[in-house]
Amino acid sequence: MESQDPAQALLRYEAELVAAGSAAEAAFVAVNRLGSILPFRLAVLLRPDPVRHARVAAVSHLYEVDENAPFAQWLGRLARHAGNDELALLSAAGIPAELAQDWAEWLPEHAALCRLSTPAGALVGWLLVAFEQPLPEPAQALLRLAARQVTLVLGAWQARRWFGLGALRRVFTRKVVLAAGLALGLLMLVPVRLTSLSPAEVSPLAPASVTAPTEGVLARFHVPPNTVVRAGDLVASMDDTVLRNRHAVSLKGLEIARAELARAGSKAFGDDQSRADLLTLKARVDEKQAEVAYTEDLLGRIQLRAPRAGLVIYSHPDEWIGRTLVTGERVASVADPAHAGLTIHVPADDAIAWQRGAEVRFFQNVAPLQALDARVTEIGYEAEQTVDAGLAYVLRAEFAAGTELPRLGMRGTAKVHGESVPLGYYLLRRPLASLRRLLGL
């Protein structure tokens, strides 16, 4: 290499560092263009690493660096041992034995390690330069100047990063960490209300049921769903074919029983056997009369009427017409629209300790930004299988006085408030419960 003015070489070296388009490119220039200032055998740039203390960022005459290679790991241990001086002259004789035994494999006899620290004290890395001959004083001064230029350029790139280890170390001092930990601990003790978010539906508070009086098939509905009816209005009818045939058979049986009783009565004056059968035949007539009265009563009850005034509530008629009903099965409900509340299905995993009178905030799906206030009036103490929330506890609530009641059947989300607990328990309750289930504790 031709001899050149050291000052011009330093200026050219600095210009190439400044012209680099990234921190990685600057590191590449730092180790590969250093030869224009000092003749060397090997140059390595190391950057700080929170796990390994130092990692290899660039090696002279190499385009890519494997950070997990044995040579890179050995250099990280070397920087950890001798990386606190601004310029440390190293040799195999001046380092610990576990590092010295591999020196001859990786480096020549002489080396210099420069600690790259900005004027503000931020560490940006180390520059290791290996030489075949001992480094004289003038060469050491040139190396210090070159290292200072590398420090300024890499420090500028590090300052541009939003997240840097050096910035964290400057901001999060021991006092700041202790103060933040104390503040966080006090914050975790702030009392907050336990809450659970659950699906809810506007439902009648005291509905009257329209039920099937006997087994049979539902024939038709006389009013559509959500129709206002008066007490006694016809709501639905059951198919009367079976009952009418049964009533006709009962009438025929009553006629036969009466005829047999009349014939035995006419023979009773001269026939002791006929006189003895009179009581049996009279009992049979009474039985047939009771059966006729029962079927007549059933025929009168297959017309399902509203037990009270209100709104008729049931699903689509096509789901009921032609369906075989059992005795007592509910077909529809009649509810007062002005007496509505909430039915809340709280999933079993979200259950908390509730009390009667607990505060409820109801957010309708059609108006998610408006909340209605309510109070819990009934708590189910046994979880039930529900459609919306699976295995869930059923809670019922009444709206606050003066609330404009929503339409029956409206759905939304209910926020049920529980007791006050520390904020730390509020945040960790579910993670701890999941961890307990995972570990089987």
Foldseek 3Di string as FASTA:
>chain_A
DDDDDLVVLLVVLLVCLQPDPALLSSQQSLFASCCSRPNFDKKWWWFQDPPLRIFTRYIYPDPDDDRPDPLRSLVSVVCVFPVPDQKDKDALVPDDPVSSVCDVVRAAGIKMKGFQADPVGFGGTIMITGHNDDQDPVNVVSVSSSSPSSSVSSVVNQVPDPDDPRVCPVVDDVVNVVVVVVVVVVQLQDKDWQKAKFKKFKAFDDWDFFFAQAKFAWAFAPDFAFDWDFAFAFGTATDCPVLVVQLVVLVVQLVVLVVLLVVLVVCVVPDVVSVVCNVVSVVSNVVSVVSNVVSVVSVVPRRTTARGTAGKHADGGVVGHGDIHHHGHTGIIGHHQVRIWMKTWTAPLSDDDADFQWWKWWAFPVHRVDTFIWTWHDWAPAWDADDRHGTTIIIIIGTDPPDDDDGGGTMTMMMTIHDMGGNNCSVCVNVVVVVCVVVVD
